All heavy atoms as atom14 arrays in JSON, in Angstrom:
{
  "sequence": "WLGMTIPVEYGGRGRSFLERFVVTEELLAAGAPVA",
  "atom14_mask": [
    [1, 1, 1, 1, 1, 1, 1, 1, 1, 1, 1, 1, 1, 1],
    [1, 1, 1, 1, 1, 1, 1, 1, 0, 0, 0, 0, 0, 0],
    [1, 1, 1, 1, 0, 0, 0, 0, 0, 0, 0, 0, 0, 0],
    [1, 1, 1, 1, 1, 1, 1, 1, 0, 0, 0, 0, 0, 0],
    [1, 1, 1, 1, 1, 1, 1, 0, 0, 0, 0, 0, 0, 0],
    [1, 1, 1, 1, 1, 1, 1, 1, 0, 0, 0, 0, 0, 0],
    [1, 1, 1, 1, 1, 1, 1, 0, 0, 0, 0, 0, 0, 0],
    [1, 1, 1, 1, 1, 1, 1, 0, 0, 0, 0, 0, 0, 0],
    [1, 1, 1, 1, 1, 1, 1, 1, 1, 0, 0, 0, 0, 0],
    [1, 1, 1, 1, 1, 1, 1, 1, 1, 1, 1, 1, 0, 0],
    [1, 1, 1, 1, 0, 0, 0, 0, 0, 0, 0, 0, 0, 0],
    [1, 1, 1, 1, 0, 0, 0, 0, 0, 0, 0, 0, 0, 0],
    [1, 1, 1, 1, 1, 1, 1, 1, 1, 1, 1, 0, 0, 0],
    [1, 1, 1, 1, 0, 0, 0, 0, 0, 0, 0, 0, 0, 0],
    [1, 1, 1, 1, 1, 1, 1, 1, 1, 1, 1, 0, 0, 0],
    [1, 1, 1, 1, 1, 1, 0, 0, 0, 0, 0, 0, 0, 0],
    [1, 1, 1, 1, 1, 1, 1, 1, 1, 1, 1, 0, 0, 0],
    [1, 1, 1, 1, 1, 1, 1, 1, 0, 0, 0, 0, 0, 0],
    [1, 1, 1, 1, 1, 1, 1, 1, 1, 0, 0, 0, 0, 0],
    [1, 1, 1, 1, 1, 1, 1, 1, 1, 1, 1, 0, 0, 0],
    [1, 1, 1, 1, 1, 1, 1, 1, 1, 1, 1, 0, 0, 0],
    [1, 1, 1, 1, 1, 1, 1, 0, 0, 0, 0, 0, 0, 0],
    [1, 1, 1, 1, 1, 1, 1, 0, 0, 0, 0, 0, 0, 0],
    [1, 1, 1, 1, 1, 1, 1, 0, 0, 0, 0, 0, 0, 0],
    [1, 1, 1, 1, 1, 1, 1, 1, 1, 0, 0, 0, 0, 0],
    [1, 1, 1, 1, 1, 1, 1, 1, 1, 0, 0, 0, 0, 0],
    [1, 1, 1, 1, 1, 1, 1, 1, 0, 0, 0, 0, 0, 0],
    [1, 1, 1, 1, 1, 1, 1, 1, 0, 0, 0, 0, 0, 0],
    [1, 1, 1, 1, 1, 0, 0, 0, 0, 0, 0, 0, 0, 0],
    [1, 1, 1, 1, 1, 0, 0, 0, 0, 0, 0, 0, 0, 0],
    [1, 1, 1, 1, 0, 0, 0, 0, 0, 0, 0, 0, 0, 0],
    [1, 1, 1, 1, 1, 0, 0, 0, 0, 0, 0, 0, 0, 0],
    [1, 1, 1, 1, 1, 1, 1, 0, 0, 0, 0, 0, 0, 0],
    [1, 1, 1, 1, 1, 1, 1, 0, 0, 0, 0, 0, 0, 0],
    [1, 1, 1, 1, 1, 0, 0, 0, 0, 0, 0, 0, 0, 0]
  ],
  "atom14_positions": [
    [[103.56, 11.33, 116.3], [103.74, 10.71, 117.6], [102.66, 9.69, 117.93], [102.4, 9.38, 119.1], [103.79, 11.77, 118.69], [104.99, 12.66, 118.57], [106.17, 12.35, 117.95], [105.16, 13.99, 119.09], [107.09, 13.39, 118.01], [106.47, 14.42, 118.71], [104.37, 14.86, 119.82], [106.99, 15.68, 119.07], [104.83, 16.09, 120.16], [106.14, 16.49, 119.78]],
    [[102.06, 9.15, 116.9], [101.08, 8.09, 117.02], [101.45, 7.04, 115.95], [101.85, 7.42, 114.87], [99.69, 8.59, 116.87], [98.53, 7.61, 117.23], [98.6, 7.17, 118.65], [97.2, 8.28, 116.95], [0.0, 0.0, 0.0], [0.0, 0.0, 0.0], [0.0, 0.0, 0.0], [0.0, 0.0, 0.0], [0.0, 0.0, 0.0], [0.0, 0.0, 0.0]],
    [[101.26, 5.81, 116.27], [101.69, 4.76, 115.33], [103.14, 4.76, 115.01], [103.58, 4.44, 113.91], [0.0, 0.0, 0.0], [0.0, 0.0, 0.0], [0.0, 0.0, 0.0], [0.0, 0.0, 0.0], [0.0, 0.0, 0.0], [0.0, 0.0, 0.0], [0.0, 0.0, 0.0], [0.0, 0.0, 0.0], [0.0, 0.0, 0.0], [0.0, 0.0, 0.0]],
    [[103.93, 5.15, 116.0], [105.37, 5.37, 115.77], [106.09, 4.06, 115.36], [107.0, 4.06, 114.57], [106.03, 5.96, 117.03], [105.55, 7.36, 117.31], [106.36, 8.05, 118.8], [108.02, 8.27, 118.17], [0.0, 0.0, 0.0], [0.0, 0.0, 0.0], [0.0, 0.0, 0.0], [0.0, 0.0, 0.0], [0.0, 0.0, 0.0], [0.0, 0.0, 0.0]],
    [[105.7, 2.91, 115.98], [106.34, 1.62, 115.65], [105.67, 0.91, 114.5], [106.11, -0.22, 114.14], [106.38, 0.74, 116.89], [105.06, 0.47, 117.33], [107.17, 1.42, 118.02], [0.0, 0.0, 0.0], [0.0, 0.0, 0.0], [0.0, 0.0, 0.0], [0.0, 0.0, 0.0], [0.0, 0.0, 0.0], [0.0, 0.0, 0.0], [0.0, 0.0, 0.0]],
    [[104.65, 1.47, 113.91], [104.0, 0.87, 112.73], [104.86, 1.21, 111.51], [105.21, 2.4, 111.27], [102.56, 1.4, 112.55], [101.71, 0.96, 113.76], [101.92, 0.9, 111.26], [100.31, 1.6, 113.73], [0.0, 0.0, 0.0], [0.0, 0.0, 0.0], [0.0, 0.0, 0.0], [0.0, 0.0, 0.0], [0.0, 0.0, 0.0], [0.0, 0.0, 0.0]],
    [[105.17, 0.22, 110.65], [105.97, 0.54, 109.44], [105.3, 1.53, 108.55], [104.08, 1.67, 108.52], [106.11, -0.85, 108.77], [105.91, -1.84, 109.88], [104.93, -1.22, 110.83], [0.0, 0.0, 0.0], [0.0, 0.0, 0.0], [0.0, 0.0, 0.0], [0.0, 0.0, 0.0], [0.0, 0.0, 0.0], [0.0, 0.0, 0.0], [0.0, 0.0, 0.0]],
    [[106.11, 2.24, 107.81], [105.59, 3.3, 106.89], [104.61, 2.73, 105.87], [103.61, 3.39, 105.56], [106.81, 3.99, 106.2], [106.29, 4.98, 105.16], [107.68, 4.68, 107.2], [0.0, 0.0, 0.0], [0.0, 0.0, 0.0], [0.0, 0.0, 0.0], [0.0, 0.0, 0.0], [0.0, 0.0, 0.0], [0.0, 0.0, 0.0], [0.0, 0.0, 0.0]],
    [[104.86, 1.51, 105.44], [103.96, 0.95, 104.42], [102.54, 0.72, 104.94], [101.61, 0.49, 104.13], [104.52, -0.35, 103.84], [104.78, -1.45, 104.86], [106.18, -1.47, 105.35], [106.83, -0.37, 105.46], [106.72, -2.58, 105.63], [0.0, 0.0, 0.0], [0.0, 0.0, 0.0], [0.0, 0.0, 0.0], [0.0, 0.0, 0.0], [0.0, 0.0, 0.0]],
    [[102.36, 0.72, 106.26], [101.01, 0.61, 106.81], [100.54, 1.92, 107.45], [99.64, 1.89, 108.3], [101.01, -0.52, 107.87], [101.34, -1.89, 107.33], [102.49, -2.57, 107.73], [100.6, -2.46, 106.3], [102.79, -3.83, 107.23], [100.87, -3.71, 105.77], [102.0, -4.37, 106.21], [102.31, -5.6, 105.67], [0.0, 0.0, 0.0], [0.0, 0.0, 0.0]],
    [[101.11, 3.0, 107.05], [100.67, 4.3, 107.51], [101.31, 4.79, 108.76], [100.96, 5.87, 109.27], [0.0, 0.0, 0.0], [0.0, 0.0, 0.0], [0.0, 0.0, 0.0], [0.0, 0.0, 0.0], [0.0, 0.0, 0.0], [0.0, 0.0, 0.0], [0.0, 0.0, 0.0], [0.0, 0.0, 0.0], [0.0, 0.0, 0.0], [0.0, 0.0, 0.0]],
    [[102.29, 4.05, 109.3], [102.97, 4.48, 110.52], [104.22, 5.28, 110.27], [104.42, 5.75, 109.16], [0.0, 0.0, 0.0], [0.0, 0.0, 0.0], [0.0, 0.0, 0.0], [0.0, 0.0, 0.0], [0.0, 0.0, 0.0], [0.0, 0.0, 0.0], [0.0, 0.0, 0.0], [0.0, 0.0, 0.0], [0.0, 0.0, 0.0], [0.0, 0.0, 0.0]],
    [[105.03, 5.37, 111.29], [106.24, 6.23, 111.19], [107.53, 5.42, 111.13], [108.6, 6.0, 110.9], [106.28, 7.2, 112.39], [105.1, 8.07, 112.5], [105.02, 9.07, 111.36], [103.77, 9.81, 111.38], [103.54, 10.92, 110.69], [104.49, 11.37, 109.93], [102.36, 11.52, 110.73], [0.0, 0.0, 0.0], [0.0, 0.0, 0.0], [0.0, 0.0, 0.0]],
    [[107.45, 4.12, 111.35], [108.62, 3.3, 111.23], [109.71, 3.63, 112.24], [110.93, 3.5, 111.91], [0.0, 0.0, 0.0], [0.0, 0.0, 0.0], [0.0, 0.0, 0.0], [0.0, 0.0, 0.0], [0.0, 0.0, 0.0], [0.0, 0.0, 0.0], [0.0, 0.0, 0.0], [0.0, 0.0, 0.0], [0.0, 0.0, 0.0], [0.0, 0.0, 0.0]],
    [[109.34, 4.07, 113.44], [110.33, 4.45, 114.44], [110.45, 3.38, 115.48], [109.77, 2.37, 115.47], [109.94, 5.82, 115.0], [109.91, 6.9, 113.93], [109.51, 8.28, 114.44], [110.56, 8.92, 115.13], [110.52, 10.2, 115.53], [109.46, 10.95, 115.24], [111.56, 10.76, 116.18], [0.0, 0.0, 0.0], [0.0, 0.0, 0.0], [0.0, 0.0, 0.0]],
    [[111.34, 3.56, 116.43], [111.69, 2.52, 117.38], [110.78, 2.5, 118.6], [110.11, 3.48, 118.91], [113.14, 2.66, 117.82], [113.27, 3.82, 118.65], [0.0, 0.0, 0.0], [0.0, 0.0, 0.0], [0.0, 0.0, 0.0], [0.0, 0.0, 0.0], [0.0, 0.0, 0.0], [0.0, 0.0, 0.0], [0.0, 0.0, 0.0], [0.0, 0.0, 0.0]],
    [[110.83, 1.34, 119.33], [110.1, 1.24, 120.58], [110.64, 2.23, 121.6], [109.92, 2.75, 122.45], [110.23, -0.18, 121.17], [109.28, -1.16, 120.54], [109.64, -1.96, 119.43], [107.97, -1.26, 120.96], [108.8, -2.85, 118.87], [107.08, -2.15, 120.38], [107.47, -2.96, 119.34], [0.0, 0.0, 0.0], [0.0, 0.0, 0.0], [0.0, 0.0, 0.0]],
    [[111.9, 2.51, 121.55], [112.5, 3.46, 122.48], [111.98, 4.89, 122.22], [111.74, 5.64, 123.15], [114.04, 3.45, 122.4], [114.71, 2.5, 123.36], [116.22, 2.55, 123.17], [114.38, 2.85, 124.82], [0.0, 0.0, 0.0], [0.0, 0.0, 0.0], [0.0, 0.0, 0.0], [0.0, 0.0, 0.0], [0.0, 0.0, 0.0], [0.0, 0.0, 0.0]],
    [[111.88, 5.25, 120.95], [111.31, 6.55, 120.61], [109.88, 6.64, 121.09], [109.47, 7.68, 121.69], [111.43, 6.81, 119.11], [112.83, 7.03, 118.64], [112.93, 7.13, 117.12], [112.58, 6.14, 116.45], [113.32, 8.18, 116.61], [0.0, 0.0, 0.0], [0.0, 0.0, 0.0], [0.0, 0.0, 0.0], [0.0, 0.0, 0.0], [0.0, 0.0, 0.0]],
    [[109.16, 5.6, 120.9], [107.76, 5.61, 121.39], [107.74, 5.7, 122.93], [106.92, 6.37, 123.52], [107.01, 4.36, 120.94], [105.57, 4.34, 121.41], [104.83, 3.08, 121.09], [103.45, 3.16, 121.58], [103.08, 2.92, 122.86], [103.98, 2.53, 123.71], [101.8, 3.06, 123.2], [0.0, 0.0, 0.0], [0.0, 0.0, 0.0], [0.0, 0.0, 0.0]],
    [[108.65, 5.01, 123.6], [108.74, 5.05, 125.06], [108.9, 6.47, 125.52], [108.28, 6.93, 126.47], [109.88, 4.15, 125.53], [110.13, 4.25, 127.02], [109.34, 3.47, 127.89], [111.11, 5.07, 127.54], [109.59, 3.56, 129.27], [111.33, 5.15, 128.89], [110.55, 4.4, 129.77], [0.0, 0.0, 0.0], [0.0, 0.0, 0.0], [0.0, 0.0, 0.0]],
    [[109.83, 7.18, 124.91], [110.1, 8.57, 125.32], [108.84, 9.45, 125.16], [108.49, 10.22, 126.04], [111.3, 9.17, 124.51], [111.38, 10.66, 124.66], [112.61, 8.47, 124.94], [0.0, 0.0, 0.0], [0.0, 0.0, 0.0], [0.0, 0.0, 0.0], [0.0, 0.0, 0.0], [0.0, 0.0, 0.0], [0.0, 0.0, 0.0], [0.0, 0.0, 0.0]],
    [[108.2, 9.33, 124.0], [107.03, 10.14, 123.79], [105.9, 9.82, 124.76], [105.29, 10.72, 125.39], [106.49, 9.91, 122.33], [105.14, 10.54, 122.13], [107.48, 10.45, 121.34], [0.0, 0.0, 0.0], [0.0, 0.0, 0.0], [0.0, 0.0, 0.0], [0.0, 0.0, 0.0], [0.0, 0.0, 0.0], [0.0, 0.0, 0.0], [0.0, 0.0, 0.0]],
    [[105.64, 8.52, 124.98], [104.56, 8.15, 125.88], [104.87, 8.52, 127.32], [104.02, 8.95, 128.07], [104.21, 6.64, 125.77], [105.41, 5.88, 126.04], [103.7, 6.29, 124.41], [0.0, 0.0, 0.0], [0.0, 0.0, 0.0], [0.0, 0.0, 0.0], [0.0, 0.0, 0.0], [0.0, 0.0, 0.0], [0.0, 0.0, 0.0], [0.0, 0.0, 0.0]],
    [[106.13, 8.4, 127.72], [106.5, 8.74, 129.08], [106.25, 10.23, 129.35], [105.71, 10.61, 130.39], [107.95, 8.4, 129.35], [108.33, 8.49, 130.8], [109.74, 8.02, 131.08], [110.69, 8.4, 130.36], [109.93, 7.23, 132.03], [0.0, 0.0, 0.0], [0.0, 0.0, 0.0], [0.0, 0.0, 0.0], [0.0, 0.0, 0.0], [0.0, 0.0, 0.0]],
    [[106.6, 11.09, 128.4], [106.39, 12.51, 128.55], [104.89, 12.85, 128.6], [104.43, 13.7, 129.39], [107.08, 13.32, 127.47], [108.57, 13.4, 127.64], [108.95, 14.13, 128.89], [108.39, 15.19, 129.23], [109.82, 13.6, 129.63], [0.0, 0.0, 0.0], [0.0, 0.0, 0.0], [0.0, 0.0, 0.0], [0.0, 0.0, 0.0], [0.0, 0.0, 0.0]],
    [[104.13, 12.22, 127.76], [102.68, 12.45, 127.75], [102.02, 12.05, 129.05], [101.18, 12.76, 129.59], [102.06, 11.71, 126.54], [102.43, 12.18, 125.14], [101.87, 11.23, 124.11], [101.88, 13.62, 124.87], [0.0, 0.0, 0.0], [0.0, 0.0, 0.0], [0.0, 0.0, 0.0], [0.0, 0.0, 0.0], [0.0, 0.0, 0.0], [0.0, 0.0, 0.0]],
    [[102.42, 10.9, 129.56], [101.87, 10.42, 130.81], [102.26, 11.26, 131.99], [101.49, 11.54, 132.87], [102.26, 8.95, 131.01], [101.68, 7.98, 130.04], [102.43, 6.62, 130.12], [100.21, 7.71, 130.35], [0.0, 0.0, 0.0], [0.0, 0.0, 0.0], [0.0, 0.0, 0.0], [0.0, 0.0, 0.0], [0.0, 0.0, 0.0], [0.0, 0.0, 0.0]],
    [[103.53, 11.62, 132.04], [104.03, 12.48, 133.1], [103.28, 13.78, 133.18], [103.05, 14.37, 134.28], [105.54, 12.7, 133.0], [0.0, 0.0, 0.0], [0.0, 0.0, 0.0], [0.0, 0.0, 0.0], [0.0, 0.0, 0.0], [0.0, 0.0, 0.0], [0.0, 0.0, 0.0], [0.0, 0.0, 0.0], [0.0, 0.0, 0.0], [0.0, 0.0, 0.0]],
    [[102.88, 14.3, 132.03], [102.14, 15.59, 131.97], [100.64, 15.4, 132.2], [99.91, 16.37, 132.32], [102.38, 16.24, 130.6], [0.0, 0.0, 0.0], [0.0, 0.0, 0.0], [0.0, 0.0, 0.0], [0.0, 0.0, 0.0], [0.0, 0.0, 0.0], [0.0, 0.0, 0.0], [0.0, 0.0, 0.0], [0.0, 0.0, 0.0], [0.0, 0.0, 0.0]],
    [[100.18, 14.16, 132.29], [98.75, 13.93, 132.43], [97.96, 14.23, 131.21], [96.76, 14.59, 131.29], [0.0, 0.0, 0.0], [0.0, 0.0, 0.0], [0.0, 0.0, 0.0], [0.0, 0.0, 0.0], [0.0, 0.0, 0.0], [0.0, 0.0, 0.0], [0.0, 0.0, 0.0], [0.0, 0.0, 0.0], [0.0, 0.0, 0.0], [0.0, 0.0, 0.0]],
    [[98.57, 14.07, 130.05], [97.89, 14.41, 128.78], [96.79, 13.34, 128.49], [96.95, 12.16, 128.83], [98.9, 14.42, 127.63], [0.0, 0.0, 0.0], [0.0, 0.0, 0.0], [0.0, 0.0, 0.0], [0.0, 0.0, 0.0], [0.0, 0.0, 0.0], [0.0, 0.0, 0.0], [0.0, 0.0, 0.0], [0.0, 0.0, 0.0], [0.0, 0.0, 0.0]],
    [[95.69, 13.75, 127.82], [94.57, 12.86, 127.6], [94.83, 11.94, 126.39], [94.58, 12.27, 125.25], [93.4, 13.82, 127.29], [94.1, 15.03, 126.69], [95.4, 15.18, 127.37], [0.0, 0.0, 0.0], [0.0, 0.0, 0.0], [0.0, 0.0, 0.0], [0.0, 0.0, 0.0], [0.0, 0.0, 0.0], [0.0, 0.0, 0.0], [0.0, 0.0, 0.0]],
    [[95.33, 10.76, 126.64], [95.75, 9.82, 125.57], [94.92, 8.56, 125.51], [95.25, 7.67, 124.75], [97.23, 9.45, 125.78], [98.14, 10.69, 125.64], [97.46, 8.76, 127.14], [0.0, 0.0, 0.0], [0.0, 0.0, 0.0], [0.0, 0.0, 0.0], [0.0, 0.0, 0.0], [0.0, 0.0, 0.0], [0.0, 0.0, 0.0], [0.0, 0.0, 0.0]],
    [[93.82, 8.49, 126.24], [93.03, 7.28, 126.38], [92.46, 6.82, 125.03], [92.33, 5.62, 124.78], [91.94, 7.42, 127.36], [0.0, 0.0, 0.0], [0.0, 0.0, 0.0], [0.0, 0.0, 0.0], [0.0, 0.0, 0.0], [0.0, 0.0, 0.0], [0.0, 0.0, 0.0], [0.0, 0.0, 0.0], [0.0, 0.0, 0.0], [0.0, 0.0, 0.0]]
  ]
}
């Protein structure tokens, strides 16, 4: 759930901006420490 939109060849997950949006929205709504 980090580097989600970074391509796999650069160590990321190669996932979409929307998937990242969902993850970050949940983390922020919960007040998780993501700074």
